[in-house]
Amino acid sequence: MRFSAKVMLLGDIGVGKTSLARRLVFGKFDADYKTTIGVDILTHELKLVGRPEDVWAKLLLWDTDGDFGHHIFKSVYISGASGALIVADSSRPPTLEKMFALAAGFAEAAPGRPVLGLVNKADIVRPDLAAHDRLGLPEDQIMITSAKSGENVAAAFEGIAETIYRRR
C-alpha cells in the first residue's frame, strides 16, 4: 500500500526546518544557512516500520518561511495539510513558546490532523522540556532532534507519517 501526505514544517526563523528536511531527504547537513523565502517543497518516501503489511508513505514536505507566523493559517499553503512538524531551537527559548502557539494554531486550522513538536539543535543545547509549560502539547508529541547530528530526524518524520496513516 502507498499513500501521500502533505506535511507542513512550521516554526520561527532559523530553527532548522530546512536543515531537518534536507537531512531526511539528502542524508546530510549543510552549515550554510539560507533563509527560506515563501515555501520550498521536497518529497521523501519512507516505509512504515512495525507493520505486518508493506506501507509506503510519500511525504510532500512544505518547508515554510519563518516570517509567516500565524498568518500561515489564513494562507493557501495550509490547504490539504495532513499533519505538521513544528520546530523550535533548543538554544533560543522564545522559539519554544512560538512552537506551542503554532501547534495550537495548526490544531485550530486543521482539526484532527497530527502535530509533532520538534526541539531542534540538541547538539548545541540539550533542552529541559520539564522547565517549560507545554501549553496543551502533550509530552509524547514532542521530540528532541538535531539536524546536524541526525538525532531523531528519521524517527520524527516516520512518527508523523505513522500517525497520519493511522488517522486516515
C-alpha atoms as a PDB file:
ATOM      1  CA  MET A   1       0.000   0.000   0.000  1.00  0.00           C
ATOM      2  CA  ARG A   2       1.129   3.546  -0.756  1.00  0.00           C
ATOM      3  CA  PHE A   3      -0.208   6.894   0.361  1.00  0.00           C
ATOM      4  CA  SER A   4       0.799  10.535   0.026  1.00  0.00           C
ATOM      5  CA  ALA A   5       0.710  13.125   2.772  1.00  0.00           C
ATOM      6  CA  LYS A   6       1.372  16.852   2.813  1.00  0.00           C
ATOM      7  CA  VAL A   7       3.399  17.672   5.925  1.00  0.00           C
ATOM      8  CA  MET A   8       3.919  21.293   6.930  1.00  0.00           C
ATOM      9  CA  LEU A   9       7.200  22.353   8.567  1.00  0.00           C
ATOM     10  CA  LEU A  10       6.399  25.369  10.711  1.00  0.00           C
ATOM     11  CA  GLY A  11       8.438  27.404  13.159  1.00  0.00           C
ATOM     12  CA  ASP A  12      10.340  30.615  13.742  1.00  0.00           C
ATOM     13  CA  ILE A  13      13.162  31.823  11.501  1.00  0.00           C
ATOM     14  CA  GLY A  14      16.411  29.913  11.924  1.00  0.00           C
ATOM     15  CA  VAL A  15      15.102  26.977  13.981  1.00  0.00           C
ATOM     16  CA  GLY A  16      16.275  24.408  11.442  1.00  0.00           C
ATOM     17  CA  LYS A  17      13.181  23.485   9.409  1.00  0.00           C
ATOM     18  CA  THR A  18      15.128  23.395   6.155  1.00  0.00           C
ATOM     19  CA  SER A  19      18.058  21.575   7.764  1.00  0.00           C
ATOM     20  CA  LEU A  20      15.748  18.866   9.142  1.00  0.00           C
ATOM     21  CA  ALA A  21      14.065  18.361   5.761  1.00  0.00           C
ATOM     22  CA  ARG A  22      17.390  18.289   3.907  1.00  0.00           C
ATOM     23  CA  ARG A  23      18.888  15.867   6.476  1.00  0.00           C
ATOM     24  CA  LEU A  24      15.974  13.498   5.825  1.00  0.00           C
ATOM     25  CA  VAL A  25      15.839  13.832   2.053  1.00  0.00           C
ATOM     26  CA  PHE A  26      19.555  14.119   1.216  1.00  0.00           C
ATOM     27  CA  GLY A  27      21.093  12.499   4.312  1.00  0.00           C
ATOM     28  CA  LYS A  28      23.413  15.390   5.067  1.00  0.00           C
ATOM     29  CA  PHE A  29      23.717  18.627   6.993  1.00  0.00           C
ATOM     30  CA  ASP A  30      24.734  21.838   5.258  1.00  0.00           C
ATOM     31  CA  ALA A  31      26.098  24.527   7.590  1.00  0.00           C
ATOM     32  CA  ASP A  32      25.447  27.266   5.001  1.00  0.00           C
ATOM     33  CA  TYR A  33      22.229  28.816   6.259  1.00  0.00           C
ATOM     34  CA  LYS A  34      19.937  30.211   3.608  1.00  0.00           C
ATOM     35  CA  THR A  35      16.616  31.681   4.671  1.00  0.00           C
ATOM     36  CA  THR A  36      13.594  30.084   3.023  1.00  0.00           C
ATOM     37  CA  ILE A  37      11.535  32.614   1.083  1.00  0.00           C
ATOM     38  CA  GLY A  38       7.887  31.582   0.860  1.00  0.00           C
ATOM     39  CA  VAL A  39       7.754  27.783   0.713  1.00  0.00           C
ATOM     40  CA  ASP A  40      10.126  25.090  -0.537  1.00  0.00           C
ATOM     41  CA  ILE A  41       8.653  21.678  -1.308  1.00  0.00           C
ATOM     42  CA  LEU A  42      10.639  18.458  -1.010  1.00  0.00           C
ATOM     43  CA  THR A  43       9.451  14.862  -1.338  1.00  0.00           C
ATOM     44  CA  HIS A  44      10.594  11.776   0.501  1.00  0.00           C
ATOM     45  CA  GLU A  45       9.354   8.187   0.503  1.00  0.00           C
ATOM     46  CA  LEU A  46       9.658   6.009   3.552  1.00  0.00           C
ATOM     47  CA  LYS A  47       8.394   2.612   4.643  1.00  0.00           C
ATOM     48  CA  LEU A  48       6.398   2.490   7.854  1.00  0.00           C
ATOM     49  CA  VAL A  49       8.087   0.107  10.258  1.00  0.00           C
ATOM     50  CA  GLY A  50       6.498  -2.426  12.581  1.00  0.00           C
ATOM     51  CA  ARG A  51       3.559  -3.230  10.319  1.00  0.00           C
ATOM     52  CA  PRO A  52       2.681  -6.718   9.053  1.00  0.00           C
ATOM     53  CA  GLU A  53       1.936  -5.289   5.590  1.00  0.00           C
ATOM     54  CA  ASP A  54       4.158  -3.054   3.457  1.00  0.00           C
ATOM     55  CA  VAL A  55       3.035   0.553   3.775  1.00  0.00           C
ATOM     56  CA  TRP A  56       4.936   3.291   1.976  1.00  0.00           C
ATOM     57  CA  ALA A  57       4.416   6.981   2.640  1.00  0.00           C
ATOM     58  CA  LYS A  58       5.292   9.654   0.108  1.00  0.00           C
ATOM     59  CA  LEU A  59       5.760  12.785   2.192  1.00  0.00           C
ATOM     60  CA  LEU A  60       5.352  16.145   0.495  1.00  0.00           C
ATOM     61  CA  LEU A  61       7.337  18.379   2.841  1.00  0.00           C
ATOM     62  CA  TRP A  62       6.253  22.013   2.784  1.00  0.00           C
ATOM     63  CA  ASP A  63       9.181  23.885   4.331  1.00  0.00           C
ATOM     64  CA  THR A  64       7.777  27.306   5.201  1.00  0.00           C
ATOM     65  CA  ASP A  65       9.269  30.733   5.709  1.00  0.00           C
ATOM     66  CA  GLY A  66       9.516  31.517   9.447  1.00  0.00           C
ATOM     67  CA  ASP A  67       8.181  35.031   8.816  1.00  0.00           C
ATOM     68  CA  PHE A  68       4.681  33.685   8.173  1.00  0.00           C
ATOM     69  CA  GLY A  69       3.860  33.284  11.859  1.00  0.00           C
ATOM     70  CA  HIS A  70       0.130  32.832  12.432  1.00  0.00           C
ATOM     71  CA  HIS A  71      -0.669  34.288   9.002  1.00  0.00           C
ATOM     72  CA  ILE A  72       0.198  30.870   7.564  1.00  0.00           C
ATOM     73  CA  PHE A  73      -3.155  29.571   8.835  1.00  0.00           C
ATOM     74  CA  LYS A  74      -5.022  32.038   6.633  1.00  0.00           C
ATOM     75  CA  SER A  75      -2.973  31.220   3.521  1.00  0.00           C
ATOM     76  CA  VAL A  76      -3.490  28.702   0.757  1.00  0.00           C
ATOM     77  CA  TYR A  77      -0.318  26.895   1.867  1.00  0.00           C
ATOM     78  CA  ILE A  78      -2.083  25.140   4.746  1.00  0.00           C
ATOM     79  CA  SER A  79      -4.822  23.759   2.483  1.00  0.00           C
ATOM     80  CA  GLY A  80      -4.754  19.977   2.275  1.00  0.00           C
ATOM     81  CA  ALA A  81      -2.163  19.531   5.015  1.00  0.00           C
ATOM     82  CA  SER A  82      -2.197  16.038   6.520  1.00  0.00           C
ATOM     83  CA  GLY A  83      -0.071  16.995   9.531  1.00  0.00           C
ATOM     84  CA  ALA A  84       2.613  19.345  10.806  1.00  0.00           C
ATOM     85  CA  LEU A  85       6.067  19.250  12.298  1.00  0.00           C
ATOM     86  CA  ILE A  86       6.530  22.419  14.312  1.00  0.00           C
ATOM     87  CA  VAL A  87      10.147  23.249  15.071  1.00  0.00           C
ATOM     88  CA  ALA A  88      11.839  25.184  17.868  1.00  0.00           C
ATOM     89  CA  ASP A  89      15.529  25.901  18.508  1.00  0.00           C
ATOM     90  CA  SER A  90      16.777  24.468  21.824  1.00  0.00           C
ATOM     91  CA  SER A  91      19.294  27.310  22.121  1.00  0.00           C
ATOM     92  CA  ARG A  92      16.588  30.017  21.827  1.00  0.00           C
ATOM     93  CA  PRO A  93      13.856  29.547  24.465  1.00  0.00           C
ATOM     94  CA  PRO A  94      11.437  32.076  22.868  1.00  0.00           C
ATOM     95  CA  THR A  95      11.129  29.740  19.877  1.00  0.00           C
ATOM     96  CA  LEU A  96       9.634  27.106  22.200  1.00  0.00           C
ATOM     97  CA  GLU A  97       6.760  29.432  23.046  1.00  0.00           C
ATOM     98  CA  LYS A  98       6.300  30.090  19.324  1.00  0.00           C
ATOM     99  CA  MET A  99       6.253  26.309  18.712  1.00  0.00           C
ATOM    100  CA  PHE A 100       3.437  25.847  21.234  1.00  0.00           C
ATOM    101  CA  ALA A 101       1.466  28.772  19.761  1.00  0.00           C
ATOM    102  CA  LEU A 102       1.863  27.437  16.211  1.00  0.00           C
ATOM    103  CA  ALA A 103       0.796  23.959  17.367  1.00  0.00           C
ATOM    104  CA  ALA A 104      -2.400  25.441  18.799  1.00  0.00           C
ATOM    105  CA  GLY A 105      -2.962  27.425  15.599  1.00  0.00           C
ATOM    106  CA  PHE A 106      -2.499  24.352  13.419  1.00  0.00           C
ATOM    107  CA  ALA A 107      -4.859  22.306  15.607  1.00  0.00           C
ATOM    108  CA  GLU A 108      -7.491  25.019  15.172  1.00  0.00           C
ATOM    109  CA  ALA A 109      -6.933  25.420  11.414  1.00  0.00           C
ATOM    110  CA  ALA A 110      -6.709  21.671  10.693  1.00  0.00           C
ATOM    111  CA  PRO A 111      -8.688  19.870  13.410  1.00  0.00           C
ATOM    112  CA  GLY A 112      -7.874  16.201  13.914  1.00  0.00           C
ATOM    113  CA  ARG A 113      -4.635  16.328  11.974  1.00  0.00           C
ATOM    114  CA  PRO A 114      -1.482  15.304  13.842  1.00  0.00           C
ATOM    115  CA  VAL A 115       1.083  17.750  15.158  1.00  0.00           C
ATOM    116  CA  LEU A 116       4.557  16.879  16.385  1.00  0.00           C
ATOM    117  CA  GLY A 117       6.784  19.461  18.063  1.00  0.00           C
ATOM    118  CA  LEU A 118      10.499  19.159  17.329  1.00  0.00           C
ATOM    119  CA  VAL A 119      13.012  20.837  19.625  1.00  0.00           C
ATOM    120  CA  ASN A 120      15.973  21.025  17.266  1.00  0.00           C
ATOM    121  CA  LYS A 121      19.684  21.782  17.700  1.00  0.00           C
ATOM    122  CA  ALA A 122      20.130  19.355  20.599  1.00  0.00           C
ATOM    123  CA  ASP A 123      23.788  19.167  19.543  1.00  0.00           C
ATOM    124  CA  ILE A 124      24.159  22.761  20.832  1.00  0.00           C
ATOM    125  CA  VAL A 125      21.968  22.670  23.958  1.00  0.00           C
ATOM    126  CA  ARG A 126      20.064  19.724  25.455  1.00  0.00           C
ATOM    127  CA  PRO A 127      16.659  21.231  26.249  1.00  0.00           C
ATOM    128  CA  ASP A 128      14.984  20.803  29.613  1.00  0.00           C
ATOM    129  CA  LEU A 129      11.402  20.436  28.479  1.00  0.00           C
ATOM    130  CA  ALA A 130      10.205  19.963  32.050  1.00  0.00           C
ATOM    131  CA  ALA A 131      11.086  23.626  32.659  1.00  0.00           C
ATOM    132  CA  HIS A 132       8.527  24.778  30.075  1.00  0.00           C
ATOM    133  CA  ASP A 133       4.763  24.822  30.249  1.00  0.00           C
ATOM    134  CA  ARG A 134       3.686  22.661  27.315  1.00  0.00           C
ATOM    135  CA  LEU A 135       0.548  24.755  26.793  1.00  0.00           C
ATOM    136  CA  GLY A 136      -1.545  21.814  25.659  1.00  0.00           C
ATOM    137  CA  LEU A 137       1.050  19.961  23.553  1.00  0.00           C
ATOM    138  CA  PRO A 138       1.373  16.532  25.208  1.00  0.00           C
ATOM    139  CA  GLU A 139       4.851  15.304  26.097  1.00  0.00           C
ATOM    140  CA  ASP A 140       4.506  12.367  23.686  1.00  0.00           C
ATOM    141  CA  GLN A 141       4.050  14.898  20.865  1.00  0.00           C
ATOM    142  CA  ILE A 142       7.463  16.499  21.399  1.00  0.00           C
ATOM    143  CA  MET A 143      10.777  15.102  20.162  1.00  0.00           C
ATOM    144  CA  ILE A 144      14.316  16.352  20.623  1.00  0.00           C
ATOM    145  CA  THR A 145      16.223  16.463  17.325  1.00  0.00           C
ATOM    146  CA  SER A 146      19.470  17.574  15.757  1.00  0.00           C
ATOM    147  CA  ALA A 147      19.649  18.155  12.030  1.00  0.00           C
ATOM    148  CA  LYS A 148      23.430  18.404  12.390  1.00  0.00           C
ATOM    149  CA  SER A 149      23.970  15.007  14.060  1.00  0.00           C
ATOM    150  CA  GLY A 150      20.852  13.381  12.603  1.00  0.00           C
ATOM    151  CA  GLU A 151      19.464  12.579  16.070  1.00  0.00           C
ATOM    152  CA  ASN A 152      15.785  11.572  15.825  1.00  0.00           C
ATOM    153  CA  VAL A 153      15.345  13.149  12.380  1.00  0.00           C
ATOM    154  CA  ALA A 154      14.170   9.994  10.598  1.00  0.00           C
ATOM    155  CA  ALA A 155      12.154   8.988  13.680  1.00  0.00           C
ATOM    156  CA  ALA A 156      10.300  12.318  13.657  1.00  0.00           C
ATOM    157  CA  PHE A 157       9.248  12.031  10.026  1.00  0.00           C
ATOM    158  CA  GLU A 158       8.406   8.336  10.434  1.00  0.00           C
ATOM    159  CA  GLY A 159       6.352   9.212  13.515  1.00  0.00           C
ATOM    160  CA  ILE A 160       4.250  11.836  11.762  1.00  0.00           C
ATOM    161  CA  ALA A 161       3.787   9.515   8.746  1.00  0.00           C
ATOM    162  CA  GLU A 162       2.638   6.656  11.014  1.00  0.00           C
ATOM    163  CA  THR A 163       0.168   8.906  12.831  1.00  0.00           C
ATOM    164  CA  ILE A 164      -1.214  10.262   9.548  1.00  0.00           C
ATOM    165  CA  TYR A 165      -1.643   6.693   8.271  1.00  0.00           C
ATOM    166  CA  ARG A 166      -3.461   5.547  11.422  1.00  0.00           C
ATOM    167  CA  ARG A 167      -5.863   8.512  11.265  1.00  0.00           C
ATOM    168  CA  ARG A 168      -6.754   8.031   7.591  1.00  0.00           C
END
